[in-house]
Amino acid sequence: MRGPTKTFRLVATLPLVAALALGGCSDQLGNPPAPPPTRIEFVPKVRGIPYFEAMDNGGLEAAKQLGVVWHSTGPETVDPAAQVSILRDLIAKKVDVIVVAPNDPAALAGVIAEARAKGIHVLTSDTDAPGTQREVFVNQASAQGIGTALVDALMAKTGGTGQWAIVSCGPAAANLNSWIAVQKEYAAARYPKAELVDTVYAGEDQDKATVLAKQLMTGHPGLTGLIGECTTSAPGVAKAVDDEQKIGRVFTVGVGTPQAIKPFLLKGSCSQSVLWNVESLGYLTAWTAKQVADGKPLQAVNKVSLELPAVKYDAATKTVLLGDPLLITADNVDQFKY
């Protein structure tokens, strides 16, 4: 007997195709399929440094628990144009939420507006972009808390006297500049016998921070203190003191991730790191992004998780605050694995 014709085979398969198509639209009970998970893209200042890798790990952990997709795409350098390019690519991909830690807030204002015009939610985390159309800023700690803690930690070692300097990272980074402003005002009022002699910028380059710190020590023979303002300059200035064999004569503190700063804490070339739980910051960032994407209003106090039971939100500035700074010393550094 002859097999079915091509026409018959085609007709016979149509009900199957229709059934498959309907299966993609609803289940056997006629319920619509679940919507795809929210896609959150995190754009750090730069890729490949422990700080933002720890943030990414926190975001990934939150994503598993919250049922969202979290992905990180960072630039190779701190060039603001590189972040603009990444954001434009994410707009074209129609992601749901973009979270960015801006290297230069002003440079991102236009592309943030483009994303919002396309219906994409935009948040900032770690550092803000004030004056842009970002919807929420996820802040690690207050500028006042970080700035005063850094100064107090340094002056505790120098006796509140002598010359000190700051080695920062990006000159346009809003978070770093806000901390520096607090440090200058607070130190002048609280420690009038201490003189801030210079503030220099190393980008996110630890080796450059080391070079700049050595130049500061050479140019200011009376220098007794250095603050490394970010997670690459903190170990950079500590290494400079170690290299120049000035441990105990020039003291350093900074915003260093625990494992990167640990060798210098143990040697004594860094006295203390002022930070926060970076993985918790990543977790809080992902949680906040989902709240915004779901259209859920943030409360004055939010229960995010067991570890973050009372996260505050300031509606006036649209800022979520992780909490108080964390003081890391040689005694507690091993509590943190990043």
C-alpha atoms as a PDB file:
ATOM      1  CA  MET A   1       0.000   0.000   0.000  1.00  0.00           C
ATOM      2  CA  ARG A   2       1.223   3.426  -0.872  1.00  0.00           C
ATOM      3  CA  GLY A   3       2.300   5.699   1.964  1.00  0.00           C
ATOM      4  CA  PRO A   4       0.508   8.974   2.646  1.00  0.00           C
ATOM      5  CA  THR A   5       1.019  11.774   0.209  1.00  0.00           C
ATOM      6  CA  LYS A   6       2.962  14.919   1.085  1.00  0.00           C
ATOM      7  CA  THR A   7      -0.352  16.770   1.237  1.00  0.00           C
ATOM      8  CA  PHE A   8      -1.764  14.278   3.725  1.00  0.00           C
ATOM      9  CA  ARG A   9       1.354  14.392   5.862  1.00  0.00           C
ATOM     10  CA  LEU A  10       1.180  18.175   5.951  1.00  0.00           C
ATOM     11  CA  VAL A  11      -2.496  18.204   6.885  1.00  0.00           C
ATOM     12  CA  ALA A  12      -1.929  15.512   9.517  1.00  0.00           C
ATOM     13  CA  THR A  13       0.779  17.524  11.215  1.00  0.00           C
ATOM     14  CA  LEU A  14      -1.241  20.731  11.411  1.00  0.00           C
ATOM     15  CA  PRO A  15      -3.226  19.719  14.521  1.00  0.00           C
ATOM     16  CA  LEU A  16       0.044  18.805  16.244  1.00  0.00           C
ATOM     17  CA  VAL A  17       1.601  22.154  15.361  1.00  0.00           C
ATOM     18  CA  ALA A  18      -1.506  23.943  16.585  1.00  0.00           C
ATOM     19  CA  ALA A  19      -1.434  21.975  19.825  1.00  0.00           C
ATOM     20  CA  LEU A  20       2.219  22.811  20.379  1.00  0.00           C
ATOM     21  CA  ALA A  21       1.522  26.464  19.656  1.00  0.00           C
ATOM     22  CA  LEU A  22      -1.347  26.472  22.113  1.00  0.00           C
ATOM     23  CA  GLY A  23       0.847  24.685  24.648  1.00  0.00           C
ATOM     24  CA  GLY A  24       3.239  27.604  24.479  1.00  0.00           C
ATOM     25  CA  CYS A  25       0.435  30.003  25.318  1.00  0.00           C
ATOM     26  CA  SER A  26      -1.337  28.178  28.130  1.00  0.00           C
ATOM     27  CA  ASP A  27      -1.272  25.034  30.232  1.00  0.00           C
ATOM     28  CA  GLN A  28      -3.805  22.188  30.064  1.00  0.00           C
ATOM     29  CA  LEU A  29      -6.157  24.112  32.343  1.00  0.00           C
ATOM     30  CA  GLY A  30      -6.091  27.138  30.065  1.00  0.00           C
ATOM     31  CA  ASN A  31      -3.969  29.261  32.405  1.00  0.00           C
ATOM     32  CA  PRO A  32      -1.508  31.670  30.764  1.00  0.00           C
ATOM     33  CA  PRO A  33       2.200  30.839  31.118  1.00  0.00           C
ATOM     34  CA  ALA A  34       4.281  32.495  33.797  1.00  0.00           C
ATOM     35  CA  PRO A  35       5.954  35.705  32.608  1.00  0.00           C
ATOM     36  CA  PRO A  36       9.699  35.536  31.955  1.00  0.00           C
ATOM     37  CA  PRO A  37      11.888  36.439  34.939  1.00  0.00           C
ATOM     38  CA  THR A  38      12.997  40.024  35.415  1.00  0.00           C
ATOM     39  CA  ARG A  39      16.369  40.658  33.744  1.00  0.00           C
ATOM     40  CA  ILE A  40      18.710  42.834  35.800  1.00  0.00           C
ATOM     41  CA  GLU A  41      22.001  44.016  34.292  1.00  0.00           C
ATOM     42  CA  PHE A  42      24.679  45.362  36.633  1.00  0.00           C
ATOM     43  CA  VAL A  43      27.306  47.712  35.167  1.00  0.00           C
ATOM     44  CA  PRO A  44      30.160  48.258  37.666  1.00  0.00           C
ATOM     45  CA  LYS A  45      32.801  50.961  37.366  1.00  0.00           C
ATOM     46  CA  VAL A  46      35.294  48.444  36.030  1.00  0.00           C
ATOM     47  CA  ARG A  47      35.447  44.684  35.659  1.00  0.00           C
ATOM     48  CA  GLY A  48      37.849  42.267  37.296  1.00  0.00           C
ATOM     49  CA  ILE A  49      38.440  43.800  40.733  1.00  0.00           C
ATOM     50  CA  PRO A  50      37.525  41.942  43.958  1.00  0.00           C
ATOM     51  CA  TYR A  51      35.098  44.604  45.174  1.00  0.00           C
ATOM     52  CA  PHE A  52      32.735  44.404  42.205  1.00  0.00           C
ATOM     53  CA  GLU A  53      33.158  40.632  41.985  1.00  0.00           C
ATOM     54  CA  ALA A  54      31.893  40.454  45.588  1.00  0.00           C
ATOM     55  CA  MET A  55      28.962  42.711  44.690  1.00  0.00           C
ATOM     56  CA  ASP A  56      28.219  40.453  41.733  1.00  0.00           C
ATOM     57  CA  ASN A  57      28.246  37.368  43.973  1.00  0.00           C
ATOM     58  CA  GLY A  58      25.727  39.018  46.283  1.00  0.00           C
ATOM     59  CA  GLY A  59      23.512  39.891  43.341  1.00  0.00           C
ATOM     60  CA  LEU A  60      23.672  36.333  42.016  1.00  0.00           C
ATOM     61  CA  GLU A  61      22.693  34.930  45.412  1.00  0.00           C
ATOM     62  CA  ALA A  62      19.709  37.274  45.585  1.00  0.00           C
ATOM     63  CA  ALA A  63      18.712  36.332  42.043  1.00  0.00           C
ATOM     64  CA  LYS A  64      18.495  32.651  42.999  1.00  0.00           C
ATOM     65  CA  GLN A  65      16.259  33.431  45.945  1.00  0.00           C
ATOM     66  CA  LEU A  66      14.110  36.046  44.197  1.00  0.00           C
ATOM     67  CA  GLY A  67      13.631  34.267  40.876  1.00  0.00           C
ATOM     68  CA  VAL A  68      15.231  36.961  38.717  1.00  0.00           C
ATOM     69  CA  VAL A  69      18.101  36.955  36.244  1.00  0.00           C
ATOM     70  CA  TRP A  70      21.190  38.911  37.326  1.00  0.00           C
ATOM     71  CA  HIS A  71      24.100  39.548  34.972  1.00  0.00           C
ATOM     72  CA  SER A  72      27.128  41.806  35.184  1.00  0.00           C
ATOM     73  CA  THR A  73      28.824  43.614  32.290  1.00  0.00           C
ATOM     74  CA  GLY A  74      31.693  45.893  33.246  1.00  0.00           C
ATOM     75  CA  PRO A  75      34.067  48.050  31.186  1.00  0.00           C
ATOM     76  CA  GLU A  76      37.750  47.232  30.825  1.00  0.00           C
ATOM     77  CA  THR A  77      38.734  50.714  32.041  1.00  0.00           C
ATOM     78  CA  VAL A  78      37.148  53.557  34.016  1.00  0.00           C
ATOM     79  CA  ASP A  79      36.616  55.557  30.821  1.00  0.00           C
ATOM     80  CA  PRO A  80      33.043  56.935  31.111  1.00  0.00           C
ATOM     81  CA  ALA A  81      32.512  56.419  27.378  1.00  0.00           C
ATOM     82  CA  ALA A  82      32.880  52.672  27.903  1.00  0.00           C
ATOM     83  CA  GLN A  83      29.980  52.658  30.363  1.00  0.00           C
ATOM     84  CA  VAL A  84      27.860  54.708  27.953  1.00  0.00           C
ATOM     85  CA  SER A  85      28.521  52.130  25.237  1.00  0.00           C
ATOM     86  CA  ILE A  86      27.524  49.253  27.520  1.00  0.00           C
ATOM     87  CA  LEU A  87      24.291  50.979  28.549  1.00  0.00           C
ATOM     88  CA  ARG A  88      23.346  51.636  24.922  1.00  0.00           C
ATOM     89  CA  ASP A  89      23.892  47.964  24.131  1.00  0.00           C
ATOM     90  CA  LEU A  90      21.684  46.954  27.070  1.00  0.00           C
ATOM     91  CA  ILE A  91      18.969  49.342  25.885  1.00  0.00           C
ATOM     92  CA  ALA A  92      19.061  47.637  22.496  1.00  0.00           C
ATOM     93  CA  LYS A  93      18.699  44.254  24.225  1.00  0.00           C
ATOM     94  CA  LYS A  94      15.594  45.543  26.043  1.00  0.00           C
ATOM     95  CA  VAL A  95      16.624  44.369  29.500  1.00  0.00           C
ATOM     96  CA  ASP A  96      14.211  45.121  32.336  1.00  0.00           C
ATOM     97  CA  VAL A  97      16.528  46.897  34.786  1.00  0.00           C
ATOM     98  CA  ILE A  98      19.945  48.493  34.461  1.00  0.00           C
ATOM     99  CA  VAL A  99      21.946  49.088  37.642  1.00  0.00           C
ATOM    100  CA  VAL A 100      25.085  51.174  37.181  1.00  0.00           C
ATOM    101  CA  ALA A 101      27.924  52.382  39.392  1.00  0.00           C
ATOM    102  CA  PRO A 102      28.846  55.522  37.417  1.00  0.00           C
ATOM    103  CA  ASN A 103      32.444  56.530  36.812  1.00  0.00           C
ATOM    104  CA  ASP A 104      31.199  59.963  35.728  1.00  0.00           C
ATOM    105  CA  PRO A 105      27.551  60.729  36.570  1.00  0.00           C
ATOM    106  CA  ALA A 106      27.293  63.653  34.154  1.00  0.00           C
ATOM    107  CA  ALA A 107      28.521  61.515  31.262  1.00  0.00           C
ATOM    108  CA  LEU A 108      25.731  58.990  31.867  1.00  0.00           C
ATOM    109  CA  ALA A 109      22.839  61.442  32.188  1.00  0.00           C
ATOM    110  CA  GLY A 110      21.868  61.246  28.515  1.00  0.00           C
ATOM    111  CA  VAL A 111      21.971  57.471  28.170  1.00  0.00           C
ATOM    112  CA  ILE A 112      20.069  57.016  31.447  1.00  0.00           C
ATOM    113  CA  ALA A 113      17.359  59.258  29.978  1.00  0.00           C
ATOM    114  CA  GLU A 114      17.359  57.124  26.813  1.00  0.00           C
ATOM    115  CA  ALA A 115      16.828  53.968  28.856  1.00  0.00           C
ATOM    116  CA  ARG A 116      13.973  55.486  30.834  1.00  0.00           C
ATOM    117  CA  ALA A 117      12.327  56.684  27.610  1.00  0.00           C
ATOM    118  CA  LYS A 118      12.365  53.064  26.421  1.00  0.00           C
ATOM    119  CA  GLY A 119      10.656  51.893  29.602  1.00  0.00           C
ATOM    120  CA  ILE A 120      13.799  50.375  31.129  1.00  0.00           C
ATOM    121  CA  HIS A 121      14.237  50.928  34.852  1.00  0.00           C
ATOM    122  CA  VAL A 122      17.560  52.477  35.918  1.00  0.00           C
ATOM    123  CA  LEU A 123      19.105  52.358  39.384  1.00  0.00           C
ATOM    124  CA  THR A 124      22.505  53.379  40.692  1.00  0.00           C
ATOM    125  CA  SER A 125      24.443  51.386  43.278  1.00  0.00           C
ATOM    126  CA  ASP A 126      27.751  51.929  45.099  1.00  0.00           C
ATOM    127  CA  THR A 127      27.970  55.441  43.655  1.00  0.00           C
ATOM    128  CA  ASP A 128      25.165  57.760  42.612  1.00  0.00           C
ATOM    129  CA  ALA A 129      24.318  59.823  39.561  1.00  0.00           C
ATOM    130  CA  PRO A 130      22.521  62.784  41.118  1.00  0.00           C
ATOM    131  CA  GLY A 131      20.599  64.999  38.746  1.00  0.00           C
ATOM    132  CA  THR A 132      19.860  62.153  36.315  1.00  0.00           C
ATOM    133  CA  GLN A 133      16.676  60.156  35.783  1.00  0.00           C
ATOM    134  CA  ARG A 134      17.855  57.208  37.890  1.00  0.00           C
ATOM    135  CA  GLU A 135      14.987  55.932  40.013  1.00  0.00           C
ATOM    136  CA  VAL A 136      16.753  54.722  43.178  1.00  0.00           C
ATOM    137  CA  PHE A 137      20.292  54.879  44.580  1.00  0.00           C
ATOM    138  CA  VAL A 138      21.416  51.851  46.616  1.00  0.00           C
ATOM    139  CA  ASN A 139      23.953  53.370  48.994  1.00  0.00           C
ATOM    140  CA  GLN A 140      26.420  51.325  51.016  1.00  0.00           C
ATOM    141  CA  ALA A 141      26.749  53.778  53.925  1.00  0.00           C
ATOM    142  CA  SER A 142      26.360  57.488  54.468  1.00  0.00           C
ATOM    143  CA  ALA A 143      29.106  59.828  53.288  1.00  0.00           C
ATOM    144  CA  GLN A 144      29.268  61.241  56.798  1.00  0.00           C
ATOM    145  CA  GLY A 145      29.736  57.805  58.324  1.00  0.00           C
ATOM    146  CA  ILE A 146      32.467  56.727  55.904  1.00  0.00           C
ATOM    147  CA  GLY A 147      34.326  60.042  55.864  1.00  0.00           C
ATOM    148  CA  THR A 148      34.470  60.481  59.637  1.00  0.00           C
ATOM    149  CA  ALA A 149      35.414  56.834  60.213  1.00  0.00           C
ATOM    150  CA  LEU A 150      38.377  57.110  57.835  1.00  0.00           C
ATOM    151  CA  VAL A 151      39.665  60.293  59.438  1.00  0.00           C
ATOM    152  CA  ASP A 152      39.224  59.003  62.986  1.00  0.00           C
ATOM    153  CA  ALA A 153      41.013  55.743  62.134  1.00  0.00           C
ATOM    154  CA  LEU A 154      43.981  57.620  60.674  1.00  0.00           C
ATOM    155  CA  MET A 155      44.221  60.234  63.422  1.00  0.00           C
ATOM    156  CA  ALA A 156      44.123  57.519  66.066  1.00  0.00           C
ATOM    157  CA  LYS A 157      47.509  56.412  64.687  1.00  0.00           C
ATOM    158  CA  THR A 158      49.056  59.824  63.972  1.00  0.00           C
ATOM    159  CA  GLY A 159      47.951  61.429  67.223  1.00  0.00           C
ATOM    160  CA  GLY A 160      45.839  63.961  65.367  1.00  0.00           C
ATOM    161  CA  THR A 161      48.882  65.861  64.125  1.00  0.00           C
ATOM    162  CA  GLY A 162      51.241  65.918  61.136  1.00  0.00           C
ATOM    163  CA  GLN A 163      50.670  65.958  57.406  1.00  0.00           C
ATOM    164  CA  TRP A 164      48.336  63.605  55.592  1.00  0.00           C
ATOM    165  CA  ALA A 165      47.175  63.040  52.020  1.00  0.00           C
ATOM    166  CA  ILE A 166      44.469  61.238  50.064  1.00  0.00           C
ATOM    167  CA  VAL A 167      44.953  58.881  47.129  1.00  0.00           C
ATOM    168  CA  SER A 168      41.558  58.573  45.463  1.00  0.00           C
ATOM    169  CA  CYS A 169      40.429  56.824  42.281  1.00  0.00           C
ATOM    170  CA  GLY A 170      38.227  58.436  39.626  1.00  0.00           C
ATOM    171  CA  PRO A 171      38.147  62.246  39.949  1.00  0.00           C
ATOM    172  CA  ALA A 172      34.458  62.347  38.935  1.00  0.00           C
ATOM    173  CA  ALA A 173      33.218  59.489  41.178  1.00  0.00           C
ATOM    174  CA  ALA A 174      30.352  60.968  43.190  1.00  0.00           C
ATOM    175  CA  ASN A 175      30.711  58.622  46.161  1.00  0.00           C
ATOM    176  CA  LEU A 176      34.456  59.172  46.588  1.00  0.00           C
ATOM    177  CA  ASN A 177      34.115  62.932  46.230  1.00  0.00           C
ATOM    178  CA  SER A 178      31.346  63.036  48.827  1.00  0.00           C
ATOM    179  CA  TRP A 179      33.535  61.127  51.295  1.00  0.00           C
ATOM    180  CA  ILE A 180      36.500  63.412  50.613  1.00  0.00           C
ATOM    181  CA  ALA A 181      34.365  66.502  51.212  1.00  0.00           C
ATOM    182  CA  VAL A 182      33.355  65.098  54.609  1.00  0.00           C
ATOM    183  CA  GLN A 183      36.959  64.196  55.451  1.00  0.00           C
ATOM    184  CA  LYS A 184      38.227  67.676  54.696  1.00  0.00           C
ATOM    185  CA  GLU A 185      35.551  69.445  56.731  1.00  0.00           C
ATOM    186  CA  TYR A 186      35.618  66.990  59.614  1.00  0.00           C
ATOM    187  CA  ALA A 187      39.421  66.846  59.912  1.00  0.00           C
ATOM    188  CA  ALA A 188      39.739  70.636  59.841  1.00  0.00           C
ATOM    189  CA  ALA A 189      37.243  70.968  62.699  1.00  0.00           C
ATOM    190  CA  ARG A 190      38.170  67.923  64.784  1.00  0.00           C
ATOM    191  CA  TYR A 191      41.927  67.713  64.199  1.00  0.00           C
ATOM    192  CA  PRO A 192      43.186  71.271  63.573  1.00  0.00           C
ATOM    193  CA  LYS A 193      46.826  70.247  64.133  1.00  0.00           C
ATOM    194  CA  ALA A 194      46.721  67.869  61.166  1.00  0.00           C
ATOM    195  CA  GLU A 195      47.357  69.284  57.671  1.00  0.00           C
ATOM    196  CA  LEU A 196      45.909  67.804  54.486  1.00  0.00           C
ATOM    197  CA  VAL A 197      48.650  68.449  51.927  1.00  0.00           C
ATOM    198  CA  ASP A 198      47.253  66.892  48.724  1.00  0.00           C
ATOM    199  CA  THR A 199      44.570  64.792  47.045  1.00  0.00           C
ATOM    200  CA  VAL A 200      45.624  62.763  43.993  1.00  0.00           C
ATOM    201  CA  TYR A 201      43.799  60.350  41.666  1.00  0.00           C
ATOM    202  CA  ALA A 202      44.902  56.902  40.509  1.00  0.00           C
ATOM    203  CA  GLY A 203      41.828  55.759  38.584  1.00  0.00           C
ATOM    204  CA  GLU A 204      41.147  52.140  39.546  1.00  0.00           C
ATOM    205  CA  ASP A 205      44.837  51.271  39.197  1.00  0.00           C
ATOM    206  CA  GLN A 206      46.509  49.830  42.295  1.00  0.00           C
ATOM    207  CA  ASP A 207      50.018  50.117  40.862  1.00  0.00           C
ATOM    208  CA  LYS A 208      49.448  53.777  40.033  1.00  0.00           C
ATOM    209  CA  ALA A 209      48.201  54.357  43.578  1.00  0.00           C
ATOM    210  CA  THR A 210      51.469  52.905  44.885  1.00  0.00           C
ATOM    211  CA  VAL A 211      53.507  55.196  42.639  1.00  0.00           C
ATOM    212  CA  LEU A 212      51.499  58.263  43.665  1.00  0.00           C
ATOM    213  CA  ALA A 213      51.824  57.409  47.359  1.00  0.00           C
ATOM    214  CA  LYS A 214      55.608  57.133  47.019  1.00  0.00           C
ATOM    215  CA  GLN A 215      55.684  60.515  45.265  1.00  0.00           C
ATOM    216  CA  LEU A 216      53.656  62.042  48.109  1.00  0.00           C
ATOM    217  CA  MET A 217      56.078  60.670  50.701  1.00  0.00           C
ATOM    218  CA  THR A 218      59.033  62.023  48.726  1.00  0.00           C
ATOM    219  CA  GLY A 219      57.438  65.420  48.134  1.00  0.00           C
ATOM    220  CA  HIS A 220      56.310  65.781  51.745  1.00  0.00           C
ATOM    221  CA  PRO A 221      59.023  64.420  54.058  1.00  0.00           C
ATOM    222  CA  GLY A 222      56.852  65.246  57.070  1.00  0.00           C
ATOM    223  CA  LEU A 223      53.954  63.082  55.834  1.00  0.00           C
ATOM    224  CA  THR A 224      52.612  60.767  58.547  1.00  0.00           C
ATOM    225  CA  GLY A 225      49.321  59.566  57.083  1.00  0.00           C
ATOM    226  CA  LEU A 226      47.687  58.363  53.862  1.00  0.00           C
ATOM    227  CA  ILE A 227      44.086  57.490  53.072  1.00  0.00           C
ATOM    228  CA  GLY A 228      43.387  55.113  50.185  1.00  0.00           C
ATOM    229  CA  GLU A 229      39.923  56.244  49.109  1.00  0.00           C
ATOM    230  CA  CYS A 230      38.863  53.154  47.162  1.00  0.00           C
ATOM    231  CA  THR A 231      39.413  49.410  47.070  1.00  0.00           C
ATOM    232  CA  THR A 232      42.379  49.638  44.693  1.00  0.00           C
ATOM    233  CA  SER A 233      44.119  52.662  46.191  1.00  0.00           C
ATOM    234  CA  ALA A 234      43.839  51.337  49.789  1.00  0.00           C
ATOM    235  CA  PRO A 235      46.203  48.398  49.198  1.00  0.00           C
ATOM    236  CA  GLY A 236      48.212  50.596  46.827  1.00  0.00           C
ATOM    237  CA  VAL A 237      49.155  53.151  49.488  1.00  0.00           C
ATOM    238  CA  ALA A 238      49.829  50.410  52.038  1.00  0.00           C
ATOM    239  CA  LYS A 239      52.219  48.717  49.619  1.00  0.00           C
ATOM    240  CA  ALA A 240      54.031  52.017  49.099  1.00  0.00           C
ATOM    241  CA  VAL A 241      54.662  52.345  52.845  1.00  0.00           C
ATOM    242  CA  ASP A 242      55.857  48.742  52.962  1.00  0.00           C
ATOM    243  CA  ASP A 243      58.125  49.197  49.922  1.00  0.00           C
ATOM    244  CA  GLU A 244      59.676  52.355  51.382  1.00  0.00           C
ATOM    245  CA  GLN A 245      60.159  50.669  54.779  1.00  0.00           C
ATOM    246  CA  LYS A 246      58.149  53.351  56.559  1.00  0.00           C
ATOM    247  CA  ILE A 247      55.887  51.104  58.621  1.00  0.00           C
ATOM    248  CA  GLY A 248      55.332  52.815  61.971  1.00  0.00           C
ATOM    249  CA  ARG A 249      56.297  56.222  60.554  1.00  0.00           C
ATOM    250  CA  VAL A 250      53.664  56.649  57.847  1.00  0.00           C
ATOM    251  CA  PHE A 251      50.257  55.189  58.680  1.00  0.00           C
ATOM    252  CA  THR A 252      47.561  54.255  56.198  1.00  0.00           C
ATOM    253  CA  VAL A 253      43.845  53.499  56.331  1.00  0.00           C
ATOM    254  CA  GLY A 254      41.478  53.013  53.446  1.00  0.00           C
ATOM    255  CA  VAL A 255      38.439  51.539  51.801  1.00  0.00           C
ATOM    256  CA  GLY A 256      39.918  48.116  51.127  1.00  0.00           C
ATOM    257  CA  THR A 257      38.251  44.756  50.540  1.00  0.00           C
ATOM    258  CA  PRO A 258      39.214  42.333  53.324  1.00  0.00           C
ATOM    259  CA  GLN A 259      41.347  39.792  51.485  1.00  0.00           C
ATOM    260  CA  ALA A 260      43.094  42.421  49.330  1.00  0.00           C
ATOM    261  CA  ILE A 261      44.035  44.477  52.395  1.00  0.00           C
ATOM    262  CA  LYS A 262      44.759  41.532  54.719  1.00  0.00           C
ATOM    263  CA  PRO A 263      48.532  41.216  54.005  1.00  0.00           C
ATOM    264  CA  PHE A 264      49.017  44.894  54.813  1.00  0.00           C
ATOM    265  CA  LEU A 265      46.916  44.711  57.980  1.00  0.00           C
ATOM    266  CA  LEU A 266      49.080  41.820  59.168  1.00  0.00           C
ATOM    267  CA  LYS A 267      52.327  43.631  58.279  1.00  0.00           C
ATOM    268  CA  GLY A 268      51.163  46.867  59.863  1.00  0.00           C
ATOM    269  CA  SER A 269      51.419  49.042  56.745  1.00  0.00           C
ATOM    270  CA  CYS A 270      47.630  49.476  56.919  1.00  0.00           C
ATOM    271  CA  SER A 271      45.980  50.127  60.264  1.00  0.00           C
ATOM    272  CA  GLN A 272      42.326  49.684  59.384  1.00  0.00           C
ATOM    273  CA  SER A 273      39.904  49.325  56.500  1.00  0.00           C
ATOM    274  CA  VAL A 274      36.574  51.128  56.544  1.00  0.00           C
ATOM    275  CA  LEU A 275      34.128  49.251  54.373  1.00  0.00           C
ATOM    276  CA  TRP A 276      30.745  47.474  54.484  1.00  0.00           C
ATOM    277  CA  ASN A 277      29.591  43.996  53.608  1.00  0.00           C
ATOM    278  CA  VAL A 278      30.026  44.171  49.837  1.00  0.00           C
ATOM    279  CA  GLU A 279      28.140  40.954  49.119  1.00  0.00           C
ATOM    280  CA  SER A 280      25.214  42.327  51.130  1.00  0.00           C
ATOM    281  CA  LEU A 281      25.327  45.459  48.985  1.00  0.00           C
ATOM    282  CA  GLY A 282      24.993  43.307  45.869  1.00  0.00           C
ATOM    283  CA  TYR A 283      22.114  41.376  47.436  1.00  0.00           C
ATOM    284  CA  LEU A 284      20.324  44.583  48.423  1.00  0.00           C
ATOM    285  CA  THR A 285      20.859  45.979  44.926  1.00  0.00           C
ATOM    286  CA  ALA A 286      19.192  42.984  43.271  1.00  0.00           C
ATOM    287  CA  TRP A 287      16.320  43.058  45.778  1.00  0.00           C
ATOM    288  CA  THR A 288      15.746  46.779  45.183  1.00  0.00           C
ATOM    289  CA  ALA A 289      15.851  46.309  41.410  1.00  0.00           C
ATOM    290  CA  LYS A 290      13.127  43.657  41.630  1.00  0.00           C
ATOM    291  CA  GLN A 291      10.974  45.884  43.838  1.00  0.00           C
ATOM    292  CA  VAL A 292      11.214  48.693  41.300  1.00  0.00           C
ATOM    293  CA  ALA A 293      10.558  46.386  38.347  1.00  0.00           C
ATOM    294  CA  ASP A 294       7.506  44.921  40.101  1.00  0.00           C
ATOM    295  CA  GLY A 295       6.154  48.387  40.878  1.00  0.00           C
ATOM    296  CA  LYS A 296       6.280  47.787  44.637  1.00  0.00           C
ATOM    297  CA  PRO A 297       6.820  50.968  46.667  1.00  0.00           C
ATOM    298  CA  LEU A 298       9.788  51.052  49.016  1.00  0.00           C
ATOM    299  CA  GLN A 299       8.948  51.579  52.671  1.00  0.00           C
ATOM    300  CA  ALA A 300      10.739  53.764  55.213  1.00  0.00           C
ATOM    301  CA  VAL A 301      12.057  50.515  56.741  1.00  0.00           C
ATOM    302  CA  ASN A 302      12.262  47.344  54.635  1.00  0.00           C
ATOM    303  CA  LYS A 303      12.761  43.713  55.620  1.00  0.00           C
ATOM    304  CA  VAL A 304      14.969  42.482  52.814  1.00  0.00           C
ATOM    305  CA  SER A 305      16.276  39.220  54.310  1.00  0.00           C
ATOM    306  CA  LEU A 306      17.241  37.668  57.623  1.00  0.00           C
ATOM    307  CA  GLU A 307      20.641  39.360  57.326  1.00  0.00           C
ATOM    308  CA  LEU A 308      19.064  42.680  56.280  1.00  0.00           C
ATOM    309  CA  PRO A 309      15.969  42.982  58.460  1.00  0.00           C
ATOM    310  CA  ALA A 310      15.625  46.781  58.626  1.00  0.00           C
ATOM    311  CA  VAL A 311      16.966  48.574  55.545  1.00  0.00           C
ATOM    312  CA  LYS A 312      16.067  52.258  55.507  1.00  0.00           C
ATOM    313  CA  TYR A 313      14.744  54.175  52.508  1.00  0.00           C
ATOM    314  CA  ASP A 314      14.790  57.956  52.198  1.00  0.00           C
ATOM    315  CA  ALA A 315      11.980  59.017  49.861  1.00  0.00           C
ATOM    316  CA  ALA A 316      13.272  62.589  49.496  1.00  0.00           C
ATOM    317  CA  THR A 317      16.564  61.464  47.924  1.00  0.00           C
ATOM    318  CA  LYS A 318      15.236  58.096  46.664  1.00  0.00           C
ATOM    319  CA  THR A 319      18.079  56.342  48.488  1.00  0.00           C
ATOM    320  CA  VAL A 320      18.204  52.874  50.027  1.00  0.00           C
ATOM    321  CA  LEU A 321      20.883  52.652  52.740  1.00  0.00           C
ATOM    322  CA  LEU A 322      22.681  49.387  53.530  1.00  0.00           C
ATOM    323  CA  GLY A 323      23.806  50.551  56.988  1.00  0.00           C
ATOM    324  CA  ASP A 324      26.751  51.725  59.051  1.00  0.00           C
ATOM    325  CA  PRO A 325      30.375  51.338  57.935  1.00  0.00           C
ATOM    326  CA  LEU A 326      32.207  48.149  58.852  1.00  0.00           C
ATOM    327  CA  LEU A 327      35.636  48.492  60.512  1.00  0.00           C
ATOM    328  CA  ILE A 328      38.046  45.782  59.351  1.00  0.00           C
ATOM    329  CA  THR A 329      41.221  45.072  61.304  1.00  0.00           C
ATOM    330  CA  ALA A 330      43.786  42.291  61.543  1.00  0.00           C
ATOM    331  CA  ASP A 331      41.582  40.749  64.246  1.00  0.00           C
ATOM    332  CA  ASN A 332      38.409  40.309  62.185  1.00  0.00           C
ATOM    333  CA  VAL A 333      39.619  40.284  58.571  1.00  0.00           C
ATOM    334  CA  ASP A 334      39.307  36.505  58.248  1.00  0.00           C
ATOM    335  CA  GLN A 335      35.568  36.706  58.832  1.00  0.00           C
ATOM    336  CA  PHE A 336      35.261  37.892  55.207  1.00  0.00           C
ATOM    337  CA  LYS A 337      36.160  35.678  52.266  1.00  0.00           C
ATOM    338  CA  TYR A 338      36.187  38.287  49.499  1.00  0.00           C
END
